[in-house]
Amino acid sequence: MGSHKYTIEIFYSEEDGGHIAIAPELPGCSAFGETEEEALKEIRVAIDLWLETAKKENREIPKSMGKEFLKSIVDKVSQGLPSN
């Protein structure tokens, strides 16, 4: 696997019953895992495949924002917010 430093966001999806990981700088690049660790492992593979495909198709490769890892805890935060 490459050592790319693309932003990774992970959040829990009630609908999917697991963790979703996305790489916002790479359109459509996402992965699923039952645990955060599994989602992180899978998104790293997805990033490598996304970049490999982009190179083969001579597509522009977006610059990374320089963040290695960003964990979104939206599910935990939203549980503590008052309802309107």
PDB file of N, CA and C in Angstrom:
ATOM      1  N   MET A   1       0.827  -1.177   0.000  1.00  0.00           N
ATOM      2  CA  MET A   1       0.000   0.000   0.000  1.00  0.00           C
ATOM      3  C   MET A   1       0.869   1.237   0.000  1.00  0.00           C
ATOM      4  N   GLY A   2       0.342   2.275  -0.606  1.00  0.00           N
ATOM      5  CA  GLY A   2       1.071   3.527  -0.669  1.00  0.00           C
ATOM      6  C   GLY A   2       1.037   4.275   0.650  1.00  0.00           C
ATOM      7  N   SER A   3       1.867   5.308   0.703  1.00  0.00           N
ATOM      8  CA  SER A   3       1.903   6.126   1.919  1.00  0.00           C
ATOM      9  C   SER A   3       1.295   7.493   1.643  1.00  0.00           C
ATOM     10  N   HIS A   4       0.189   7.512   0.959  1.00  0.00           N
ATOM     11  CA  HIS A   4      -0.485   8.751   0.594  1.00  0.00           C
ATOM     12  C   HIS A   4      -1.119   9.365   1.832  1.00  0.00           C
ATOM     13  N   LYS A   5      -1.183  10.680   1.837  1.00  0.00           N
ATOM     14  CA  LYS A   5      -1.749  11.366   2.999  1.00  0.00           C
ATOM     15  C   LYS A   5      -3.037  12.071   2.628  1.00  0.00           C
ATOM     16  N   TYR A   6      -4.005  11.305   2.204  1.00  0.00           N
ATOM     17  CA  TYR A   6      -5.319  11.860   1.915  1.00  0.00           C
ATOM     18  C   TYR A   6      -6.155  11.832   3.191  1.00  0.00           C
ATOM     19  N   THR A   7      -7.035  12.801   3.312  1.00  0.00           N
ATOM     20  CA  THR A   7      -7.919  12.859   4.465  1.00  0.00           C
ATOM     21  C   THR A   7      -8.841  11.645   4.466  1.00  0.00           C
ATOM     22  N   ILE A   8      -9.014  11.069   5.626  1.00  0.00           N
ATOM     23  CA  ILE A   8      -9.927   9.939   5.791  1.00  0.00           C
ATOM     24  C   ILE A   8     -10.924  10.315   6.877  1.00  0.00           C
ATOM     25  N   GLU A   9     -12.183  10.181   6.555  1.00  0.00           N
ATOM     26  CA  GLU A   9     -13.245  10.422   7.533  1.00  0.00           C
ATOM     27  C   GLU A   9     -13.974   9.107   7.773  1.00  0.00           C
ATOM     28  N   ILE A  10     -14.205   8.805   9.031  1.00  0.00           N
ATOM     29  CA  ILE A  10     -14.907   7.570   9.392  1.00  0.00           C
ATOM     30  C   ILE A  10     -16.097   7.934  10.274  1.00  0.00           C
ATOM     31  N   PHE A  11     -17.230   7.346   9.959  1.00  0.00           N
ATOM     32  CA  PHE A  11     -18.416   7.579  10.780  1.00  0.00           C
ATOM     33  C   PHE A  11     -19.244   6.304  10.831  1.00  0.00           C
ATOM     34  N   TYR A  12     -20.051   6.199  11.867  1.00  0.00           N
ATOM     35  CA  TYR A  12     -20.908   5.036  12.017  1.00  0.00           C
ATOM     36  C   TYR A  12     -22.221   5.281  11.288  1.00  0.00           C
ATOM     37  N   SER A  13     -22.667   4.295  10.530  1.00  0.00           N
ATOM     38  CA  SER A  13     -23.928   4.378   9.803  1.00  0.00           C
ATOM     39  C   SER A  13     -24.914   3.374  10.389  1.00  0.00           C
ATOM     40  N   GLU A  14     -25.960   3.900  11.020  1.00  0.00           N
ATOM     41  CA  GLU A  14     -27.018   3.023  11.546  1.00  0.00           C
ATOM     42  C   GLU A  14     -27.648   2.218  10.412  1.00  0.00           C
ATOM     43  N   GLU A  15     -27.881   2.902   9.293  1.00  0.00           N
ATOM     44  CA  GLU A  15     -28.533   2.271   8.138  1.00  0.00           C
ATOM     45  C   GLU A  15     -27.750   1.071   7.628  1.00  0.00           C
ATOM     46  N   ASP A  16     -26.421   1.218   7.573  1.00  0.00           N
ATOM     47  CA  ASP A  16     -25.573   0.148   7.053  1.00  0.00           C
ATOM     48  C   ASP A  16     -25.112  -0.814   8.148  1.00  0.00           C
ATOM     49  N   GLY A  17     -25.273  -0.420   9.394  1.00  0.00           N
ATOM     50  CA  GLY A  17     -24.866  -1.278  10.497  1.00  0.00           C
ATOM     51  C   GLY A  17     -23.368  -1.445  10.612  1.00  0.00           C
ATOM     52  N   GLY A  18     -22.629  -0.405  10.285  1.00  0.00           N
ATOM     53  CA  GLY A  18     -21.176  -0.470  10.368  1.00  0.00           C
ATOM     54  C   GLY A  18     -20.566   0.894  10.129  1.00  0.00           C
ATOM     55  N   HIS A  19     -19.263   0.906   9.981  1.00  0.00           N
ATOM     56  CA  HIS A  19     -18.519   2.143   9.801  1.00  0.00           C
ATOM     57  C   HIS A  19     -18.238   2.401   8.321  1.00  0.00           C
ATOM     58  N   ILE A  20     -18.431   3.633   7.931  1.00  0.00           N
ATOM     59  CA  ILE A  20     -18.154   4.065   6.567  1.00  0.00           C
ATOM     60  C   ILE A  20     -16.918   4.953   6.612  1.00  0.00           C
ATOM     61  N   ALA A  21     -16.001   4.718   5.705  1.00  0.00           N
ATOM     62  CA  ALA A  21     -14.813   5.560   5.577  1.00  0.00           C
ATOM     63  C   ALA A  21     -14.836   6.188   4.193  1.00  0.00           C
ATOM     64  N   ILE A  22     -14.522   7.480   4.138  1.00  0.00           N
ATOM     65  CA  ILE A  22     -14.458   8.169   2.853  1.00  0.00           C
ATOM     66  C   ILE A  22     -13.148   8.941   2.755  1.00  0.00           C
ATOM     67  N   ALA A  23     -12.720   9.160   1.519  1.00  0.00           N
ATOM     68  CA  ALA A  23     -11.564  10.003   1.221  1.00  0.00           C
ATOM     69  C   ALA A  23     -12.108  11.181   0.415  1.00  0.00           C
ATOM     70  N   PRO A  24     -12.464  12.290   1.075  1.00  0.00           N
ATOM     71  CA  PRO A  24     -13.164  13.396   0.410  1.00  0.00           C
ATOM     72  C   PRO A  24     -12.453  13.981  -0.809  1.00  0.00           C
ATOM     73  N   GLU A  25     -11.122  13.926  -0.824  1.00  0.00           N
ATOM     74  CA  GLU A  25     -10.396  14.483  -1.972  1.00  0.00           C
ATOM     75  C   GLU A  25     -10.497  13.611  -3.218  1.00  0.00           C
ATOM     76  N   LEU A  26     -10.926  12.368  -3.040  1.00  0.00           N
ATOM     77  CA  LEU A  26     -11.012  11.416  -4.146  1.00  0.00           C
ATOM     78  C   LEU A  26     -12.482  11.056  -4.372  1.00  0.00           C
ATOM     79  N   PRO A  27     -13.137  11.705  -5.312  1.00  0.00           N
ATOM     80  CA  PRO A  27     -14.577  11.497  -5.531  1.00  0.00           C
ATOM     81  C   PRO A  27     -14.954  10.018  -5.679  1.00  0.00           C
ATOM     82  N   GLY A  28     -15.933   9.615  -4.885  1.00  0.00           N
ATOM     83  CA  GLY A  28     -16.432   8.247  -4.969  1.00  0.00           C
ATOM     84  C   GLY A  28     -15.629   7.217  -4.204  1.00  0.00           C
ATOM     85  N   CYS A  29     -14.559   7.630  -3.560  1.00  0.00           N
ATOM     86  CA  CYS A  29     -13.697   6.686  -2.848  1.00  0.00           C
ATOM     87  C   CYS A  29     -14.228   6.489  -1.431  1.00  0.00           C
ATOM     88  N   SER A  30     -14.743   5.287  -1.177  1.00  0.00           N
ATOM     89  CA  SER A  30     -15.296   4.981   0.138  1.00  0.00           C
ATOM     90  C   SER A  30     -15.121   3.500   0.440  1.00  0.00           C
ATOM     91  N   ALA A  31     -15.319   3.152   1.702  1.00  0.00           N
ATOM     92  CA  ALA A  31     -15.186   1.759   2.117  1.00  0.00           C
ATOM     93  C   ALA A  31     -16.061   1.520   3.341  1.00  0.00           C
ATOM     94  N   PHE A  32     -16.292   0.253   3.634  1.00  0.00           N
ATOM     95  CA  PHE A  32     -17.135  -0.160   4.755  1.00  0.00           C
ATOM     96  C   PHE A  32     -16.361  -1.115   5.652  1.00  0.00           C
ATOM     97  N   GLY A  33     -16.629  -1.032   6.939  1.00  0.00           N
ATOM     98  CA  GLY A  33     -16.069  -1.993   7.878  1.00  0.00           C
ATOM     99  C   GLY A  33     -16.987  -2.148   9.070  1.00  0.00           C
ATOM    100  N   GLU A  34     -16.996  -3.326   9.648  1.00  0.00           N
ATOM    101  CA  GLU A  34     -17.815  -3.534  10.845  1.00  0.00           C
ATOM    102  C   GLU A  34     -17.249  -2.760  12.030  1.00  0.00           C
ATOM    103  N   THR A  35     -15.934  -2.532  12.023  1.00  0.00           N
ATOM    104  CA  THR A  35     -15.278  -1.742  13.067  1.00  0.00           C
ATOM    105  C   THR A  35     -14.584  -0.552  12.410  1.00  0.00           C
ATOM    106  N   GLU A  36     -14.192   0.436  13.223  1.00  0.00           N
ATOM    107  CA  GLU A  36     -13.443   1.577  12.689  1.00  0.00           C
ATOM    108  C   GLU A  36     -12.131   1.113  12.074  1.00  0.00           C
ATOM    109  N   GLU A  37     -11.466   0.178  12.742  1.00  0.00           N
ATOM    110  CA  GLU A  37     -10.184  -0.324  12.260  1.00  0.00           C
ATOM    111  C   GLU A  37     -10.327  -0.996  10.900  1.00  0.00           C
ATOM    112  N   GLU A  38     -11.389  -1.783  10.747  1.00  0.00           N
ATOM    113  CA  GLU A  38     -11.629  -2.464   9.474  1.00  0.00           C
ATOM    114  C   GLU A  38     -11.934  -1.449   8.372  1.00  0.00           C
ATOM    115  N   ALA A  39     -12.732  -0.433   8.700  1.00  0.00           N
ATOM    116  CA  ALA A  39     -13.050   0.607   7.714  1.00  0.00           C
ATOM    117  C   ALA A  39     -11.788   1.354   7.304  1.00  0.00           C
ATOM    118  N   LEU A  40     -10.907   1.634   8.258  1.00  0.00           N
ATOM    119  CA  LEU A  40      -9.651   2.323   7.955  1.00  0.00           C
ATOM    120  C   LEU A  40      -8.774   1.472   7.044  1.00  0.00           C
ATOM    121  N   LYS A  41      -8.667   0.192   7.353  1.00  0.00           N
ATOM    122  CA  LYS A  41      -7.878  -0.727   6.518  1.00  0.00           C
ATOM    123  C   LYS A  41      -8.437  -0.764   5.095  1.00  0.00           C
ATOM    124  N   GLU A  42      -9.754  -0.867   4.974  1.00  0.00           N
ATOM    125  CA  GLU A  42     -10.394  -0.963   3.660  1.00  0.00           C
ATOM    126  C   GLU A  42     -10.286   0.339   2.860  1.00  0.00           C
ATOM    127  N   ILE A  43     -10.360   1.497   3.518  1.00  0.00           N
ATOM    128  CA  ILE A  43     -10.263   2.754   2.769  1.00  0.00           C
ATOM    129  C   ILE A  43      -8.843   2.952   2.255  1.00  0.00           C
ATOM    130  N   ARG A  44      -7.857   2.479   2.973  1.00  0.00           N
ATOM    131  CA  ARG A  44      -6.469   2.580   2.477  1.00  0.00           C
ATOM    132  C   ARG A  44      -6.310   1.763   1.190  1.00  0.00           C
ATOM    133  N   VAL A  45      -6.922   0.597   1.147  1.00  0.00           N
ATOM    134  CA  VAL A  45      -6.903  -0.221  -0.077  1.00  0.00           C
ATOM    135  C   VAL A  45      -7.658   0.510  -1.186  1.00  0.00           C
ATOM    136  N   ALA A  46      -8.821   1.071  -0.851  1.00  0.00           N
ATOM    137  CA  ALA A  46      -9.632   1.787  -1.842  1.00  0.00           C
ATOM    138  C   ALA A  46      -8.887   2.996  -2.405  1.00  0.00           C
ATOM    139  N   ILE A  47      -8.146   3.708  -1.559  1.00  0.00           N
ATOM    140  CA  ILE A  47      -7.363   4.859  -2.030  1.00  0.00           C
ATOM    141  C   ILE A  47      -6.319   4.400  -3.034  1.00  0.00           C
ATOM    142  N   ASP A  48      -5.596   3.338  -2.704  1.00  0.00           N
ATOM    143  CA  ASP A  48      -4.584   2.816  -3.632  1.00  0.00           C
ATOM    144  C   ASP A  48      -5.206   2.425  -4.970  1.00  0.00           C
ATOM    145  N   LEU A  49      -6.353   1.748  -4.931  1.00  0.00           N
ATOM    146  CA  LEU A  49      -7.026   1.340  -6.169  1.00  0.00           C
ATOM    147  C   LEU A  49      -7.537   2.545  -6.950  1.00  0.00           C
ATOM    148  N   TRP A  50      -8.063   3.551  -6.250  1.00  0.00           N
ATOM    149  CA  TRP A  50      -8.556   4.774  -6.896  1.00  0.00           C
ATOM    150  C   TRP A  50      -7.408   5.453  -7.643  1.00  0.00           C
ATOM    151  N   LEU A  51      -6.258   5.590  -6.974  1.00  0.00           N
ATOM    152  CA  LEU A  51      -5.102   6.255  -7.588  1.00  0.00           C
ATOM    153  C   LEU A  51      -4.547   5.444  -8.759  1.00  0.00           C
ATOM    154  N   GLU A  52      -4.494   4.135  -8.608  1.00  0.00           N
ATOM    155  CA  GLU A  52      -4.012   3.254  -9.677  1.00  0.00           C
ATOM    156  C   GLU A  52      -4.896   3.383 -10.920  1.00  0.00           C
ATOM    157  N   THR A  53      -6.203   3.381 -10.718  1.00  0.00           N
ATOM    158  CA  THR A  53      -7.147   3.520 -11.832  1.00  0.00           C
ATOM    159  C   THR A  53      -7.020   4.885 -12.491  1.00  0.00           C
ATOM    160  N   ALA A  54      -6.894   5.926 -11.684  1.00  0.00           N
ATOM    161  CA  ALA A  54      -6.760   7.285 -12.226  1.00  0.00           C
ATOM    162  C   ALA A  54      -5.507   7.404 -13.090  1.00  0.00           C
ATOM    163  N   LYS A  55      -4.411   6.811 -12.639  1.00  0.00           N
ATOM    164  CA  LYS A  55      -3.166   6.852 -13.419  1.00  0.00           C
ATOM    165  C   LYS A  55      -3.335   6.113 -14.743  1.00  0.00           C
ATOM    166  N   LYS A  56      -3.952   4.928 -14.712  1.00  0.00           N
ATOM    167  CA  LYS A  56      -4.154   4.141 -15.929  1.00  0.00           C
ATOM    168  C   LYS A  56      -5.025   4.879 -16.936  1.00  0.00           C
ATOM    169  N   GLU A  57      -5.995   5.648 -16.435  1.00  0.00           N
ATOM    170  CA  GLU A  57      -6.922   6.372 -17.309  1.00  0.00           C
ATOM    171  C   GLU A  57      -6.477   7.807 -17.582  1.00  0.00           C
ATOM    172  N   ASN A  58      -5.242   8.118 -17.181  1.00  0.00           N
ATOM    173  CA  ASN A  58      -4.672   9.460 -17.375  1.00  0.00           C
ATOM    174  C   ASN A  58      -5.560  10.568 -16.821  1.00  0.00           C
ATOM    175  N   ARG A  59      -6.202  10.294 -15.693  1.00  0.00           N
ATOM    176  CA  ARG A  59      -7.015  11.316 -15.032  1.00  0.00           C
ATOM    177  C   ARG A  59      -6.133  12.106 -14.068  1.00  0.00           C
ATOM    178  N   GLU A  60      -6.553  13.334 -13.814  1.00  0.00           N
ATOM    179  CA  GLU A  60      -5.827  14.172 -12.869  1.00  0.00           C
ATOM    180  C   GLU A  60      -5.983  13.600 -11.461  1.00  0.00           C
ATOM    181  N   ILE A  61      -4.883  13.568 -10.741  1.00  0.00           N
ATOM    182  CA  ILE A  61      -4.908  13.066  -9.375  1.00  0.00           C
ATOM    183  C   ILE A  61      -4.920  14.263  -8.432  1.00  0.00           C
ATOM    184  N   PRO A  62      -5.959  14.387  -7.625  1.00  0.00           N
ATOM    185  CA  PRO A  62      -6.059  15.526  -6.709  1.00  0.00           C
ATOM    186  C   PRO A  62      -4.922  15.542  -5.693  1.00  0.00           C
ATOM    187  N   LYS A  63      -4.518  16.743  -5.311  1.00  0.00           N
ATOM    188  CA  LYS A  63      -3.525  16.877  -4.255  1.00  0.00           C
ATOM    189  C   LYS A  63      -4.187  16.538  -2.929  1.00  0.00           C
ATOM    190  N   SER A  64      -3.394  15.984  -2.052  1.00  0.00           N
ATOM    191  CA  SER A  64      -3.937  15.701  -0.728  1.00  0.00           C
ATOM    192  C   SER A  64      -3.945  16.987   0.086  1.00  0.00           C
ATOM    193  N   MET A  65      -4.810  17.022   1.081  1.00  0.00           N
ATOM    194  CA  MET A  65      -4.881  18.183   1.956  1.00  0.00           C
ATOM    195  C   MET A  65      -3.827  18.078   3.054  1.00  0.00           C
ATOM    196  N   GLY A  66      -3.070  17.001   3.028  1.00  0.00           N
ATOM    197  CA  GLY A  66      -1.977  16.833   3.970  1.00  0.00           C
ATOM    198  C   GLY A  66      -2.372  16.272   5.327  1.00  0.00           C
ATOM    199  N   LYS A  67      -3.607  15.866   5.477  1.00  0.00           N
ATOM    200  CA  LYS A  67      -4.048  15.280   6.746  1.00  0.00           C
ATOM    201  C   LYS A  67      -4.012  13.768   6.593  1.00  0.00           C
ATOM    202  N   GLU A  68      -3.390  13.110   7.538  1.00  0.00           N
ATOM    203  CA  GLU A  68      -3.308  11.656   7.438  1.00  0.00           C
ATOM    204  C   GLU A  68      -4.599  10.969   7.851  1.00  0.00           C
ATOM    205  N   PHE A  69      -5.211  11.466   8.881  1.00  0.00           N
ATOM    206  CA  PHE A  69      -6.376  10.746   9.400  1.00  0.00           C
ATOM    207  C   PHE A  69      -7.272  11.710  10.164  1.00  0.00           C
ATOM    208  N   LEU A  70      -8.529  11.682   9.856  1.00  0.00           N
ATOM    209  CA  LEU A  70      -9.529  12.489  10.555  1.00  0.00           C
ATOM    210  C   LEU A  70     -10.684  11.570  10.902  1.00  0.00           C
ATOM    211  N   LYS A  71     -10.950  11.435  12.160  1.00  0.00           N
ATOM    212  CA  LYS A  71     -12.040  10.555  12.581  1.00  0.00           C
ATOM    213  C   LYS A  71     -13.247  11.412  12.913  1.00  0.00           C
ATOM    214  N   SER A  72     -14.307  11.163  12.217  1.00  0.00           N
ATOM    215  CA  SER A  72     -15.541  11.892  12.469  1.00  0.00           C
ATOM    216  C   SER A  72     -16.366  11.118  13.484  1.00  0.00           C
ATOM    217  N   ILE A  73     -16.796  11.811  14.518  1.00  0.00           N
ATOM    218  CA  ILE A  73     -17.613  11.151  15.531  1.00  0.00           C
ATOM    219  C   ILE A  73     -19.012  11.751  15.537  1.00  0.00           C
ATOM    220  N   VAL A  74     -19.524  11.982  14.369  1.00  0.00           N
ATOM    221  CA  VAL A  74     -20.831  12.600  14.206  1.00  0.00           C
ATOM    222  C   VAL A  74     -21.903  11.845  14.973  1.00  0.00           C
ATOM    223  N   ASP A  75     -21.862  10.529  14.937  1.00  0.00           N
ATOM    224  CA  ASP A  75     -22.898   9.747  15.621  1.00  0.00           C
ATOM    225  C   ASP A  75     -22.878   9.994  17.122  1.00  0.00           C
ATOM    226  N   LYS A  76     -21.709  10.131  17.716  1.00  0.00           N
ATOM    227  CA  LYS A  76     -21.612  10.355  19.152  1.00  0.00           C
ATOM    228  C   LYS A  76     -22.033  11.778  19.508  1.00  0.00           C
ATOM    229  N   VAL A  77     -21.620  12.744  18.714  1.00  0.00           N
ATOM    230  CA  VAL A  77     -21.950  14.140  18.969  1.00  0.00           C
ATOM    231  C   VAL A  77     -23.438  14.380  18.783  1.00  0.00           C
ATOM    232  N   SER A  78     -24.001  13.852  17.705  1.00  0.00           N
ATOM    233  CA  SER A  78     -25.409  14.103  17.411  1.00  0.00           C
ATOM    234  C   SER A  78     -26.331  13.522  18.482  1.00  0.00           C
ATOM    235  N   GLN A  79     -25.902  12.494  19.161  1.00  0.00           N
ATOM    236  CA  GLN A  79     -26.726  11.907  20.218  1.00  0.00           C
ATOM    237  C   GLN A  79     -26.890  12.866  21.391  1.00  0.00           C
ATOM    238  N   GLY A  80     -25.910  13.749  21.580  1.00  0.00           N
ATOM    239  CA  GLY A  80     -25.964  14.676  22.693  1.00  0.00           C
ATOM    240  C   GLY A  80     -26.606  16.009  22.369  1.00  0.00           C
ATOM    241  N   LEU A  81     -27.006  16.227  21.114  1.00  0.00           N
ATOM    242  CA  LEU A  81     -27.609  17.491  20.717  1.00  0.00           C
ATOM    243  C   LEU A  81     -29.099  17.503  21.024  1.00  0.00           C
ATOM    244  N   PRO A  82     -29.602  18.657  21.485  1.00  0.00           N
ATOM    245  CA  PRO A  82     -31.046  18.741  21.727  1.00  0.00           C
ATOM    246  C   PRO A  82     -31.820  18.708  20.419  1.00  0.00           C
ATOM    247  N   SER A  83     -33.000  18.103  20.434  1.00  0.00           N
ATOM    248  CA  SER A  83     -33.817  18.059  19.222  1.00  0.00           C
ATOM    249  C   SER A  83     -34.611  19.347  19.104  1.00  0.00           C
ATOM    250  N   ASN A  84     -34.867  19.770  17.874  1.00  0.00           N
ATOM    251  CA  ASN A  84     -35.610  21.018  17.631  1.00  0.00           C
ATOM    252  C   ASN A  84     -37.084  20.759  17.547  1.00  0.00           C
TER     253      ASN A  84
END
